[in-house]
PDB file of all heavy atoms in Angstrom:
ATOM      1  N   VAL A   1     -29.359  19.787  50.675  1.00  0.00           N
ATOM      2  CA  VAL A   1     -28.354  19.325  49.849  1.00  0.00           C
ATOM      3  C   VAL A   1     -27.900  20.329  48.918  1.00  0.00           C
ATOM      4  O   VAL A   1     -26.665  20.495  48.721  1.00  0.00           O
ATOM      5  CB  VAL A   1     -28.884  18.015  49.064  1.00  0.00           C
ATOM      6  CG1 VAL A   1     -27.826  17.483  48.057  1.00  0.00           C
ATOM      7  CG2 VAL A   1     -29.223  16.937  50.049  1.00  0.00           C
ATOM      8  N   LEU A   2     -28.772  21.071  48.370  1.00  0.00           N
ATOM      9  CA  LEU A   2     -28.444  22.117  47.346  1.00  0.00           C
ATOM     10  C   LEU A   2     -27.635  23.220  48.008  1.00  0.00           C
ATOM     11  O   LEU A   2     -26.702  23.796  47.412  1.00  0.00           O
ATOM     12  CB  LEU A   2     -29.769  22.695  46.637  1.00  0.00           C
ATOM     13  CG  LEU A   2     -30.507  21.665  45.817  1.00  0.00           C
ATOM     14  CD1 LEU A   2     -31.780  22.296  45.328  1.00  0.00           C
ATOM     15  CD2 LEU A   2     -29.620  20.973  44.762  1.00  0.00           C
ATOM     16  N   GLU A   3     -28.050  23.586  49.227  1.00  0.00           N
ATOM     17  CA  GLU A   3     -27.376  24.677  49.920  1.00  0.00           C
ATOM     18  C   GLU A   3     -25.936  24.235  50.214  1.00  0.00           C
ATOM     19  O   GLU A   3     -25.004  25.013  50.241  1.00  0.00           O
ATOM     20  CB  GLU A   3     -28.021  24.987  51.244  1.00  0.00           C
ATOM     21  CG  GLU A   3     -29.332  25.844  51.000  1.00  0.00           C
ATOM     22  CD  GLU A   3     -29.986  26.066  52.375  1.00  0.00           C
ATOM     23  OE1 GLU A   3     -29.781  25.377  53.318  1.00  0.00           O
ATOM     24  OE2 GLU A   3     -30.817  27.070  52.320  1.00  0.00           O
ATOM     25  N   GLU A   4     -25.641  23.005  50.533  1.00  0.00           N
ATOM     26  CA  GLU A   4     -24.388  22.483  50.899  1.00  0.00           C
ATOM     27  C   GLU A   4     -23.438  22.504  49.586  1.00  0.00           C
ATOM     28  O   GLU A   4     -22.385  22.930  49.637  1.00  0.00           O
ATOM     29  CB  GLU A   4     -24.396  21.019  51.388  1.00  0.00           C
ATOM     30  CG  GLU A   4     -23.065  20.458  51.774  1.00  0.00           C
ATOM     31  CD  GLU A   4     -23.122  19.067  52.422  1.00  0.00           C
ATOM     32  OE1 GLU A   4     -24.028  18.879  53.213  1.00  0.00           O
ATOM     33  OE2 GLU A   4     -22.216  18.198  52.064  1.00  0.00           O
ATOM     34  N   GLU A   5     -24.094  22.156  48.485  1.00  0.00           N
ATOM     35  CA  GLU A   5     -23.397  22.134  47.129  1.00  0.00           C
ATOM     36  C   GLU A   5     -23.077  23.520  46.807  1.00  0.00           C
ATOM     37  O   GLU A   5     -21.927  23.851  46.385  1.00  0.00           O
ATOM     38  CB  GLU A   5     -24.209  21.475  46.065  1.00  0.00           C
ATOM     39  CG  GLU A   5     -24.447  19.874  46.309  1.00  0.00           C
ATOM     40  CD  GLU A   5     -25.347  19.294  45.294  1.00  0.00           C
ATOM     41  OE1 GLU A   5     -25.950  20.128  44.427  1.00  0.00           O
ATOM     42  OE2 GLU A   5     -25.469  18.029  45.329  1.00  0.00           O
ATOM     43  N   ARG A   6     -24.030  24.431  47.019  1.00  0.00           N
ATOM     44  CA  ARG A   6     -23.741  25.832  46.632  1.00  0.00           C
ATOM     45  C   ARG A   6     -22.732  26.490  47.570  1.00  0.00           C
ATOM     46  O   ARG A   6     -21.824  27.195  47.004  1.00  0.00           O
ATOM     47  CB  ARG A   6     -25.053  26.578  46.805  1.00  0.00           C
ATOM     48  CG  ARG A   6     -24.875  28.079  46.323  1.00  0.00           C
ATOM     49  CD  ARG A   6     -26.217  28.882  46.264  1.00  0.00           C
ATOM     50  NE  ARG A   6     -26.841  29.053  47.640  1.00  0.00           N
ATOM     51  CZ  ARG A   6     -27.863  29.803  47.921  1.00  0.00           C
ATOM     52  NH1 ARG A   6     -28.501  30.387  46.926  1.00  0.00           N
ATOM     53  NH2 ARG A   6     -28.274  29.948  49.058  1.00  0.00           N
ATOM     54  N   GLN A   7     -22.704  26.140  48.798  1.00  0.00           N
ATOM     55  CA  GLN A   7     -21.637  26.690  49.686  1.00  0.00           C
ATOM     56  C   GLN A   7     -20.314  26.073  49.239  1.00  0.00           C
ATOM     57  O   GLN A   7     -19.331  26.939  49.321  1.00  0.00           O
ATOM     58  CB  GLN A   7     -22.046  26.208  51.146  1.00  0.00           C
ATOM     59  CG  GLN A   7     -21.009  26.763  52.164  1.00  0.00           C
ATOM     60  CD  GLN A   7     -20.984  28.291  52.249  1.00  0.00           C
ATOM     61  OE1 GLN A   7     -21.988  28.919  52.145  1.00  0.00           O
ATOM     62  NE2 GLN A   7     -19.772  28.874  52.268  1.00  0.00           N
ATOM     63  N   LYS A   8     -20.249  24.847  48.856  1.00  0.00           N
ATOM     64  CA  LYS A   8     -18.953  24.305  48.393  1.00  0.00           C
ATOM     65  C   LYS A   8     -18.455  25.048  47.136  1.00  0.00           C
ATOM     66  O   LYS A   8     -17.377  25.410  47.093  1.00  0.00           O
ATOM     67  CB  LYS A   8     -19.143  22.853  48.097  1.00  0.00           C
ATOM     68  CG  LYS A   8     -17.831  22.154  47.742  1.00  0.00           C
ATOM     69  CD  LYS A   8     -18.121  20.582  47.464  1.00  0.00           C
ATOM     70  CE  LYS A   8     -16.808  19.945  46.990  1.00  0.00           C
ATOM     71  NZ  LYS A   8     -17.087  18.551  46.678  1.00  0.00           N
ATOM     72  N   GLN A   9     -19.329  25.240  46.205  1.00  0.00           N
ATOM     73  CA  GLN A   9     -19.006  26.075  44.992  1.00  0.00           C
ATOM     74  C   GLN A   9     -18.686  27.448  45.320  1.00  0.00           C
ATOM     75  O   GLN A   9     -17.698  28.007  44.687  1.00  0.00           O
ATOM     76  CB  GLN A   9     -20.159  25.929  43.967  1.00  0.00           C
ATOM     77  CG  GLN A   9     -20.441  24.502  43.529  1.00  0.00           C
ATOM     78  CD  GLN A   9     -21.629  24.427  42.614  1.00  0.00           C
ATOM     79  OE1 GLN A   9     -22.555  25.366  42.642  1.00  0.00           O
ATOM     80  NE2 GLN A   9     -21.744  23.484  41.759  1.00  0.00           N
ATOM     81  N   ARG A  10     -19.378  28.008  46.306  1.00  0.00           N
ATOM     82  CA  ARG A  10     -19.096  29.417  46.665  1.00  0.00           C
ATOM     83  C   ARG A  10     -17.651  29.541  47.270  1.00  0.00           C
ATOM     84  O   ARG A  10     -16.962  30.435  46.998  1.00  0.00           O
ATOM     85  CB  ARG A  10     -20.142  29.876  47.643  1.00  0.00           C
ATOM     86  CG  ARG A  10     -20.016  31.302  48.117  1.00  0.00           C
ATOM     87  CD  ARG A  10     -21.184  31.681  49.022  1.00  0.00           C
ATOM     88  NE  ARG A  10     -21.194  33.183  49.365  1.00  0.00           N
ATOM     89  CZ  ARG A  10     -20.501  33.710  50.312  1.00  0.00           C
ATOM     90  NH1 ARG A  10     -19.615  32.873  51.112  1.00  0.00           N
ATOM     91  NH2 ARG A  10     -20.446  34.978  50.541  1.00  0.00           N
ATOM     92  N   ASP A  11     -17.330  28.570  48.110  1.00  0.00           N
ATOM     93  CA  ASP A  11     -15.942  28.519  48.660  1.00  0.00           C
ATOM     94  C   ASP A  11     -14.945  28.401  47.603  1.00  0.00           C
ATOM     95  O   ASP A  11     -13.841  28.996  47.704  1.00  0.00           O
ATOM     96  CB  ASP A  11     -15.834  27.457  49.732  1.00  0.00           C
ATOM     97  CG  ASP A  11     -16.635  27.608  50.898  1.00  0.00           C
ATOM     98  OD1 ASP A  11     -16.964  28.733  51.197  1.00  0.00           O
ATOM     99  OD2 ASP A  11     -17.027  26.606  51.641  1.00  0.00           O
ATOM    100  N   GLU A  12     -15.210  27.591  46.592  1.00  0.00           N
ATOM    101  CA  GLU A  12     -14.304  27.454  45.456  1.00  0.00           C
ATOM    102  C   GLU A  12     -14.060  28.726  44.764  1.00  0.00           C
ATOM    103  O   GLU A  12     -13.027  29.132  44.370  1.00  0.00           O
ATOM    104  CB  GLU A  12     -14.789  26.346  44.497  1.00  0.00           C
ATOM    105  CG  GLU A  12     -14.604  24.978  45.107  1.00  0.00           C
ATOM    106  CD  GLU A  12     -15.180  23.887  44.133  1.00  0.00           C
ATOM    107  OE1 GLU A  12     -15.694  24.352  43.108  1.00  0.00           O
ATOM    108  OE2 GLU A  12     -15.185  22.735  44.441  1.00  0.00           O
ATOM    109  N   GLN A  13     -15.216  29.460  44.470  1.00  0.00           N
ATOM    110  CA  GLN A  13     -15.145  30.815  43.801  1.00  0.00           C
ATOM    111  C   GLN A  13     -14.412  31.773  44.561  1.00  0.00           C
ATOM    112  O   GLN A  13     -13.659  32.700  44.134  1.00  0.00           O
ATOM    113  CB  GLN A  13     -16.589  31.325  43.547  1.00  0.00           C
ATOM    114  CG  GLN A  13     -17.160  30.754  42.248  1.00  0.00           C
ATOM    115  CD  GLN A  13     -18.482  31.447  41.903  1.00  0.00           C
ATOM    116  OE1 GLN A  13     -19.512  30.984  42.232  1.00  0.00           O
ATOM    117  NE2 GLN A  13     -18.365  32.482  41.212  1.00  0.00           N
ATOM    118  N   LYS A  14     -14.587  31.720  45.925  1.00  0.00           N
ATOM    119  CA  LYS A  14     -13.943  32.664  46.906  1.00  0.00           C
ATOM    120  C   LYS A  14     -12.469  32.469  46.840  1.00  0.00           C
ATOM    121  O   LYS A  14     -11.605  33.411  46.931  1.00  0.00           O
ATOM    122  CB  LYS A  14     -14.358  32.326  48.251  1.00  0.00           C
ATOM    123  CG  LYS A  14     -13.786  33.250  49.346  1.00  0.00           C
ATOM    124  CD  LYS A  14     -14.379  32.968  50.754  1.00  0.00           C
ATOM    125  CE  LYS A  14     -13.671  33.769  51.767  1.00  0.00           C
ATOM    126  NZ  LYS A  14     -14.194  33.395  53.161  1.00  0.00           N
ATOM    127  N   GLY A  15     -11.954  31.260  46.451  1.00  0.00           N
ATOM    128  CA  GLY A  15     -10.545  30.883  46.430  1.00  0.00           C
ATOM    129  C   GLY A  15      -9.887  31.568  45.197  1.00  0.00           C
ATOM    130  O   GLY A  15      -8.661  31.796  45.209  1.00  0.00           O
ATOM    131  N   PHE A  16     -10.556  31.805  44.082  1.00  0.00           N
ATOM    132  CA  PHE A  16      -9.961  32.385  42.899  1.00  0.00           C
ATOM    133  C   PHE A  16     -10.430  33.711  42.473  1.00  0.00           C
ATOM    134  O   PHE A  16      -9.753  34.361  41.676  1.00  0.00           O
ATOM    135  CB  PHE A  16     -10.074  31.400  41.719  1.00  0.00           C
ATOM    136  CG  PHE A  16     -11.403  31.150  41.139  1.00  0.00           C
ATOM    137  CD1 PHE A  16     -11.954  32.085  40.305  1.00  0.00           C
ATOM    138  CD2 PHE A  16     -12.123  29.997  41.515  1.00  0.00           C
ATOM    139  CE1 PHE A  16     -13.222  31.948  39.832  1.00  0.00           C
ATOM    140  CE2 PHE A  16     -13.484  29.846  41.003  1.00  0.00           C
ATOM    141  CZ  PHE A  16     -14.048  30.780  40.186  1.00  0.00           C
ATOM    142  N   LEU A  17     -11.606  34.147  42.897  1.00  0.00           N
ATOM    143  CA  LEU A  17     -12.095  35.479  42.579  1.00  0.00           C
ATOM    144  C   LEU A  17     -11.528  36.544  43.392  1.00  0.00           C
ATOM    145  O   LEU A  17     -11.624  36.496  44.614  1.00  0.00           O
ATOM    146  CB  LEU A  17     -13.609  35.463  42.619  1.00  0.00           C
ATOM    147  CG  LEU A  17     -14.339  36.804  42.160  1.00  0.00           C
ATOM    148  CD1 LEU A  17     -14.074  36.962  40.668  1.00  0.00           C
ATOM    149  CD2 LEU A  17     -15.895  36.681  42.352  1.00  0.00           C
ATOM    150  N   ARG A  18     -10.932  37.583  42.712  1.00  0.00           N
ATOM    151  CA  ARG A  18     -10.221  38.647  43.391  1.00  0.00           C
ATOM    152  C   ARG A  18     -10.804  40.047  42.935  1.00  0.00           C
ATOM    153  O   ARG A  18     -11.325  40.209  41.787  1.00  0.00           O
ATOM    154  CB  ARG A  18      -8.714  38.668  43.102  1.00  0.00           C
ATOM    155  CG  ARG A  18      -8.032  37.462  43.703  1.00  0.00           C
ATOM    156  CD  ARG A  18      -7.955  37.427  45.133  1.00  0.00           C
ATOM    157  NE  ARG A  18      -7.197  36.317  45.743  1.00  0.00           N
ATOM    158  CZ  ARG A  18      -7.677  35.144  46.059  1.00  0.00           C
ATOM    159  NH1 ARG A  18      -9.152  34.933  45.966  1.00  0.00           N
ATOM    160  NH2 ARG A  18      -7.027  34.203  46.564  1.00  0.00           N
ATOM    161  N   GLU A  19     -10.722  41.066  43.735  1.00  0.00           N
ATOM    162  CA  GLU A  19     -11.124  42.396  43.394  1.00  0.00           C
ATOM    163  C   GLU A  19     -10.251  42.842  42.190  1.00  0.00           C
ATOM    164  O   GLU A  19      -9.007  42.669  42.275  1.00  0.00           O
ATOM    165  CB  GLU A  19     -10.999  43.378  44.580  1.00  0.00           C
ATOM    166  CG  GLU A  19     -12.027  43.054  45.716  1.00  0.00           C
ATOM    167  CD  GLU A  19     -11.812  44.023  46.787  1.00  0.00           C
ATOM    168  OE1 GLU A  19     -11.027  44.856  46.824  1.00  0.00           O
ATOM    169  OE2 GLU A  19     -12.574  43.848  47.812  1.00  0.00           O
ATOM    170  N   GLY A  20     -10.894  43.423  41.215  1.00  0.00           N
ATOM    171  CA  GLY A  20     -10.286  43.836  40.029  1.00  0.00           C
ATOM    172  C   GLY A  20     -10.367  42.789  38.905  1.00  0.00           C
ATOM    173  O   GLY A  20     -10.002  43.200  37.758  1.00  0.00           O
ATOM    174  N   ASP A  21     -10.817  41.585  39.144  1.00  0.00           N
ATOM    175  CA  ASP A  21     -10.946  40.542  38.203  1.00  0.00           C
ATOM    176  C   ASP A  21     -12.012  40.803  37.196  1.00  0.00           C
ATOM    177  O   ASP A  21     -13.044  41.358  37.638  1.00  0.00           O
ATOM    178  CB  ASP A  21     -11.143  39.170  38.750  1.00  0.00           C
ATOM    179  CG  ASP A  21      -9.869  38.580  39.411  1.00  0.00           C
ATOM    180  OD1 ASP A  21      -8.732  39.259  39.170  1.00  0.00           O
ATOM    181  OD2 ASP A  21      -9.898  37.616  40.116  1.00  0.00           O
ATOM    182  N   ARG A  22     -11.794  40.544  36.004  1.00  0.00           N
ATOM    183  CA  ARG A  22     -12.931  40.648  34.962  1.00  0.00           C
ATOM    184  C   ARG A  22     -13.578  39.255  34.793  1.00  0.00           C
ATOM    185  O   ARG A  22     -12.916  38.239  34.643  1.00  0.00           O
ATOM    186  CB  ARG A  22     -12.471  40.952  33.569  1.00  0.00           C
ATOM    187  CG  ARG A  22     -12.012  42.457  33.357  1.00  0.00           C
ATOM    188  CD  ARG A  22     -11.503  42.690  31.970  1.00  0.00           C
ATOM    189  NE  ARG A  22     -11.241  44.020  31.734  1.00  0.00           N
ATOM    190  CZ  ARG A  22     -11.969  44.924  30.900  1.00  0.00           C
ATOM    191  NH1 ARG A  22     -13.018  44.232  30.207  1.00  0.00           N
ATOM    192  NH2 ARG A  22     -11.642  46.066  30.686  1.00  0.00           N
ATOM    193  N   VAL A  23     -14.953  39.263  34.942  1.00  0.00           N
ATOM    194  CA  VAL A  23     -15.650  37.965  34.949  1.00  0.00           C
ATOM    195  C   VAL A  23     -16.895  38.160  34.117  1.00  0.00           C
ATOM    196  O   VAL A  23     -17.388  39.251  33.950  1.00  0.00           O
ATOM    197  CB  VAL A  23     -16.000  37.412  36.286  1.00  0.00           C
ATOM    198  CG1 VAL A  23     -14.712  37.021  37.092  1.00  0.00           C
ATOM    199  CG2 VAL A  23     -16.701  38.532  37.100  1.00  0.00           C
ATOM    200  N   ARG A  24     -17.445  37.012  33.630  1.00  0.00           N
ATOM    201  CA  ARG A  24     -18.781  37.086  32.979  1.00  0.00           C
ATOM    202  C   ARG A  24     -19.924  36.603  33.773  1.00  0.00           C
ATOM    203  O   ARG A  24     -19.710  35.649  34.636  1.00  0.00           O
ATOM    204  CB  ARG A  24     -18.674  36.215  31.621  1.00  0.00           C
ATOM    205  CG  ARG A  24     -17.711  36.774  30.685  1.00  0.00           C
ATOM    206  CD  ARG A  24     -18.016  36.171  29.250  1.00  0.00           C
ATOM    207  NE  ARG A  24     -19.253  36.584  28.763  1.00  0.00           N
ATOM    208  CZ  ARG A  24     -19.436  37.723  28.112  1.00  0.00           C
ATOM    209  NH1 ARG A  24     -18.472  38.578  27.979  1.00  0.00           N
ATOM    210  NH2 ARG A  24     -20.569  37.981  27.638  1.00  0.00           N
ATOM    211  N   GLY A  25     -20.998  37.222  33.702  1.00  0.00           N
ATOM    212  CA  GLY A  25     -22.224  36.799  34.491  1.00  0.00           C
ATOM    213  C   GLY A  25     -23.453  37.123  33.799  1.00  0.00           C
ATOM    214  O   GLY A  25     -23.426  37.501  32.576  1.00  0.00           O
ATOM    215  N   THR A  26     -24.568  36.749  34.447  1.00  0.00           N
ATOM    216  CA  THR A  26     -25.858  37.000  33.962  1.00  0.00           C
ATOM    217  C   THR A  26     -26.736  37.859  34.778  1.00  0.00           C
ATOM    218  O   THR A  26     -26.797  37.667  36.020  1.00  0.00           O
ATOM    219  CB  THR A  26     -26.564  35.627  33.748  1.00  0.00           C
ATOM    220  OG1 THR A  26     -25.798  34.720  32.972  1.00  0.00           O
ATOM    221  CG2 THR A  26     -27.970  35.813  33.088  1.00  0.00           C
ATOM    222  N   ILE A  27     -27.322  38.858  34.228  1.00  0.00           N
ATOM    223  CA  ILE A  27     -28.214  39.775  34.928  1.00  0.00           C
ATOM    224  C   ILE A  27     -29.394  38.966  35.538  1.00  0.00           C
ATOM    225  O   ILE A  27     -30.224  38.336  34.747  1.00  0.00           O
ATOM    226  CB  ILE A  27     -28.729  40.911  34.130  1.00  0.00           C
ATOM    227  CG1 ILE A  27     -27.574  41.752  33.586  1.00  0.00           C
ATOM    228  CG2 ILE A  27     -29.684  41.838  34.979  1.00  0.00           C
ATOM    229  CD1 ILE A  27     -26.642  42.433  34.641  1.00  0.00           C
ATOM    230  N   SER A  28     -29.545  38.892  36.789  1.00  0.00           N
ATOM    231  CA  SER A  28     -30.590  38.062  37.469  1.00  0.00           C
ATOM    232  C   SER A  28     -31.857  38.940  37.848  1.00  0.00           C
ATOM    233  O   SER A  28     -33.033  38.464  37.720  1.00  0.00           O
ATOM    234  CB  SER A  28     -30.127  37.429  38.722  1.00  0.00           C
ATOM    235  OG  SER A  28     -29.571  38.326  39.686  1.00  0.00           O
ATOM    236  N   SER A  29     -31.662  40.248  38.144  1.00  0.00           N
ATOM    237  CA  SER A  29     -32.822  41.068  38.481  1.00  0.00           C
ATOM    238  C   SER A  29     -32.343  42.517  38.413  1.00  0.00           C
ATOM    239  O   SER A  29     -31.260  42.877  38.496  1.00  0.00           O
ATOM    240  CB  SER A  29     -33.367  40.766  39.945  1.00  0.00           C
ATOM    241  OG  SER A  29     -32.387  40.999  40.922  1.00  0.00           O
ATOM    242  N   ILE A  30     -33.428  43.415  38.169  1.00  0.00           N
ATOM    243  CA  ILE A  30     -33.108  44.865  38.031  1.00  0.00           C
ATOM    244  C   ILE A  30     -34.045  45.629  39.010  1.00  0.00           C
ATOM    245  O   ILE A  30     -35.239  45.368  39.174  1.00  0.00           O
ATOM    246  CB  ILE A  30     -33.470  45.288  36.560  1.00  0.00           C
ATOM    247  CG1 ILE A  30     -32.422  44.606  35.571  1.00  0.00           C
ATOM    248  CG2 ILE A  30     -33.359  46.764  36.375  1.00  0.00           C
ATOM    249  CD1 ILE A  30     -32.857  44.849  34.069  1.00  0.00           C
ATOM    250  N   HIS A  31     -33.395  46.598  39.616  1.00  0.00           N
ATOM    251  CA  HIS A  31     -34.088  47.456  40.587  1.00  0.00           C
ATOM    252  C   HIS A  31     -33.797  48.852  40.316  1.00  0.00           C
ATOM    253  O   HIS A  31     -32.796  49.163  39.497  1.00  0.00           O
ATOM    254  CB  HIS A  31     -33.661  47.056  42.007  1.00  0.00           C
ATOM    255  CG  HIS A  31     -33.863  45.618  42.371  1.00  0.00           C
ATOM    256  ND1 HIS A  31     -34.960  45.116  42.881  1.00  0.00           N
ATOM    257  CD2 HIS A  31     -33.070  44.502  42.181  1.00  0.00           C
ATOM    258  CE1 HIS A  31     -34.967  43.768  43.028  1.00  0.00           C
ATOM    259  NE2 HIS A  31     -33.698  43.415  42.628  1.00  0.00           N
ATOM    260  N   ASN A  32     -34.414  49.852  41.003  1.00  0.00           N
ATOM    261  CA  ASN A  32     -34.087  51.261  40.745  1.00  0.00           C
ATOM    262  C   ASN A  32     -32.708  51.755  41.244  1.00  0.00           C
ATOM    263  O   ASN A  32     -32.226  52.747  40.790  1.00  0.00           O
ATOM    264  CB  ASN A  32     -35.168  52.135  41.308  1.00  0.00           C
ATOM    265  CG  ASN A  32     -35.425  52.021  42.815  1.00  0.00           C
ATOM    266  OD1 ASN A  32     -34.575  51.148  43.412  1.00  0.00           O
ATOM    267  ND2 ASN A  32     -36.313  52.600  43.423  1.00  0.00           N
ATOM    268  N   PHE A  33     -32.173  51.023  42.141  1.00  0.00           N
ATOM    269  CA  PHE A  33     -30.826  51.356  42.695  1.00  0.00           C
ATOM    270  C   PHE A  33     -29.706  50.560  41.941  1.00  0.00           C
ATOM    271  O   PHE A  33     -28.445  50.887  42.157  1.00  0.00           O
ATOM    272  CB  PHE A  33     -30.751  51.096  44.192  1.00  0.00           C
ATOM    273  CG  PHE A  33     -31.182  49.645  44.506  1.00  0.00           C
ATOM    274  CD1 PHE A  33     -30.142  48.631  44.452  1.00  0.00           C
ATOM    275  CD2 PHE A  33     -32.429  49.288  44.942  1.00  0.00           C
ATOM    276  CE1 PHE A  33     -30.575  47.284  44.829  1.00  0.00           C
ATOM    277  CE2 PHE A  33     -32.825  47.982  45.208  1.00  0.00           C
ATOM    278  CZ  PHE A  33     -31.841  46.975  45.206  1.00  0.00           C
ATOM    279  N   GLY A  34     -29.945  49.624  41.097  1.00  0.00           N
ATOM    280  CA  GLY A  34     -28.865  48.844  40.464  1.00  0.00           C
ATOM    281  C   GLY A  34     -29.510  47.512  39.963  1.00  0.00           C
ATOM    282  O   GLY A  34     -30.645  47.304  39.922  1.00  0.00           O
ATOM    283  N   ALA A  35     -28.539  46.678  39.417  1.00  0.00           N
ATOM    284  CA  ALA A  35     -28.910  45.448  38.916  1.00  0.00           C
ATOM    285  C   ALA A  35     -28.042  44.354  39.591  1.00  0.00           C
ATOM    286  O   ALA A  35     -26.896  44.540  39.924  1.00  0.00           O
ATOM    287  CB  ALA A  35     -28.754  45.365  37.426  1.00  0.00           C
ATOM    288  N   PHE A  36     -28.739  43.112  39.778  1.00  0.00           N
ATOM    289  CA  PHE A  36     -27.898  42.039  40.479  1.00  0.00           C
ATOM    290  C   PHE A  36     -27.440  41.174  39.242  1.00  0.00           C
ATOM    291  O   PHE A  36     -28.152  40.914  38.372  1.00  0.00           O
ATOM    292  CB  PHE A  36     -28.836  41.298  41.351  1.00  0.00           C
ATOM    293  CG  PHE A  36     -28.958  41.895  42.749  1.00  0.00           C
ATOM    294  CD1 PHE A  36     -30.015  42.755  42.959  1.00  0.00           C
ATOM    295  CD2 PHE A  36     -28.067  41.680  43.681  1.00  0.00           C
ATOM    296  CE1 PHE A  36     -30.300  43.341  44.181  1.00  0.00           C
ATOM    297  CE2 PHE A  36     -28.141  42.384  44.951  1.00  0.00           C
ATOM    298  CZ  PHE A  36     -29.327  43.120  45.164  1.00  0.00           C
ATOM    299  N   VAL A  37     -26.221  40.744  39.329  1.00  0.00           N
ATOM    300  CA  VAL A  37     -25.511  39.914  38.389  1.00  0.00           C
ATOM    301  C   VAL A  37     -25.200  38.563  39.050  1.00  0.00           C
ATOM    302  O   VAL A  37     -24.592  38.584  40.170  1.00  0.00           O
ATOM    303  CB  VAL A  37     -24.362  40.560  37.824  1.00  0.00           C
ATOM    304  CG1 VAL A  37     -23.303  40.897  38.806  1.00  0.00           C
ATOM    305  CG2 VAL A  37     -23.690  39.667  36.708  1.00  0.00           C
ATOM    306  N   LYS A  38     -25.449  37.477  38.398  1.00  0.00           N
ATOM    307  CA  LYS A  38     -25.152  36.083  38.973  1.00  0.00           C
ATOM    308  C   LYS A  38     -23.904  35.638  38.175  1.00  0.00           C
ATOM    309  O   LYS A  38     -23.846  35.571  37.025  1.00  0.00           O
ATOM    310  CB  LYS A  38     -26.272  35.114  38.778  1.00  0.00           C
ATOM    311  CG  LYS A  38     -26.085  33.750  39.467  1.00  0.00           C
ATOM    312  CD  LYS A  38     -27.309  32.936  39.451  1.00  0.00           C
ATOM    313  CE  LYS A  38     -27.076  31.688  40.233  1.00  0.00           C
ATOM    314  NZ  LYS A  38     -28.346  30.852  40.238  1.00  0.00           N
ATOM    315  N   ILE A  39     -22.918  35.266  39.042  1.00  0.00           N
ATOM    316  CA  ILE A  39     -21.587  34.878  38.609  1.00  0.00           C
ATOM    317  C   ILE A  39     -21.369  33.466  39.260  1.00  0.00           C
ATOM    318  O   ILE A  39     -21.007  33.414  40.438  1.00  0.00           O
ATOM    319  CB  ILE A  39     -20.423  35.807  38.833  1.00  0.00           C
ATOM    320  CG1 ILE A  39     -20.736  37.179  38.228  1.00  0.00           C
ATOM    321  CG2 ILE A  39     -19.145  35.229  38.424  1.00  0.00           C
ATOM    322  CD1 ILE A  39     -19.908  38.281  38.756  1.00  0.00           C
ATOM    323  N   GLY A  40     -21.449  32.417  38.513  1.00  0.00           N
ATOM    324  CA  GLY A  40     -21.412  31.065  39.092  1.00  0.00           C
ATOM    325  C   GLY A  40     -22.586  30.813  40.044  1.00  0.00           C
ATOM    326  O   GLY A  40     -23.711  31.004  39.637  1.00  0.00           O
ATOM    327  N   VAL A  41     -22.243  30.633  41.350  1.00  0.00           N
ATOM    328  CA  VAL A  41     -23.376  30.389  42.286  1.00  0.00           C
ATOM    329  C   VAL A  41     -23.479  31.661  43.234  1.00  0.00           C
ATOM    330  O   VAL A  41     -24.396  31.656  44.149  1.00  0.00           O
ATOM    331  CB  VAL A  41     -22.980  29.185  43.248  1.00  0.00           C
ATOM    332  CG1 VAL A  41     -22.981  27.973  42.267  1.00  0.00           C
ATOM    333  CG2 VAL A  41     -21.699  29.363  43.902  1.00  0.00           C
ATOM    334  N   VAL A  42     -22.736  32.690  42.938  1.00  0.00           N
ATOM    335  CA  VAL A  42     -22.841  33.845  43.805  1.00  0.00           C
ATOM    336  C   VAL A  42     -23.534  34.961  43.048  1.00  0.00           C
ATOM    337  O   VAL A  42     -23.525  35.064  41.783  1.00  0.00           O
ATOM    338  CB  VAL A  42     -21.542  34.372  44.339  1.00  0.00           C
ATOM    339  CG1 VAL A  42     -20.810  33.375  45.112  1.00  0.00           C
ATOM    340  CG2 VAL A  42     -20.586  34.827  43.137  1.00  0.00           C
ATOM    341  N   GLU A  43     -24.133  35.928  43.745  1.00  0.00           N
ATOM    342  CA  GLU A  43     -24.772  37.143  43.183  1.00  0.00           C
ATOM    343  C   GLU A  43     -24.139  38.274  43.797  1.00  0.00           C
ATOM    344  O   GLU A  43     -23.816  38.364  44.962  1.00  0.00           O
ATOM    345  CB  GLU A  43     -26.281  37.158  43.486  1.00  0.00           C
ATOM    346  CG  GLU A  43     -27.175  36.594  42.356  1.00  0.00           C
ATOM    347  CD  GLU A  43     -28.639  36.797  42.642  1.00  0.00           C
ATOM    348  OE1 GLU A  43     -29.052  37.007  43.726  1.00  0.00           O
ATOM    349  OE2 GLU A  43     -29.340  36.818  41.652  1.00  0.00           O
ATOM    350  N   GLY A  44     -24.051  39.400  42.960  1.00  0.00           N
ATOM    351  CA  GLY A  44     -23.557  40.650  43.420  1.00  0.00           C
ATOM    352  C   GLY A  44     -24.320  41.819  42.764  1.00  0.00           C
ATOM    353  O   GLY A  44     -25.038  41.672  41.794  1.00  0.00           O
TER     354      GLY A  44
END
């Protein structure tokens, strides 16, 4: 159920998030090669 909800929210984010956009997120984890940031239901 949660995966279906997350996929739906992800598709919604895909519809409005574009390269070059400024967005706010939360640092989810840190590694020696970079840091992962969570924006809504997606991570980058």
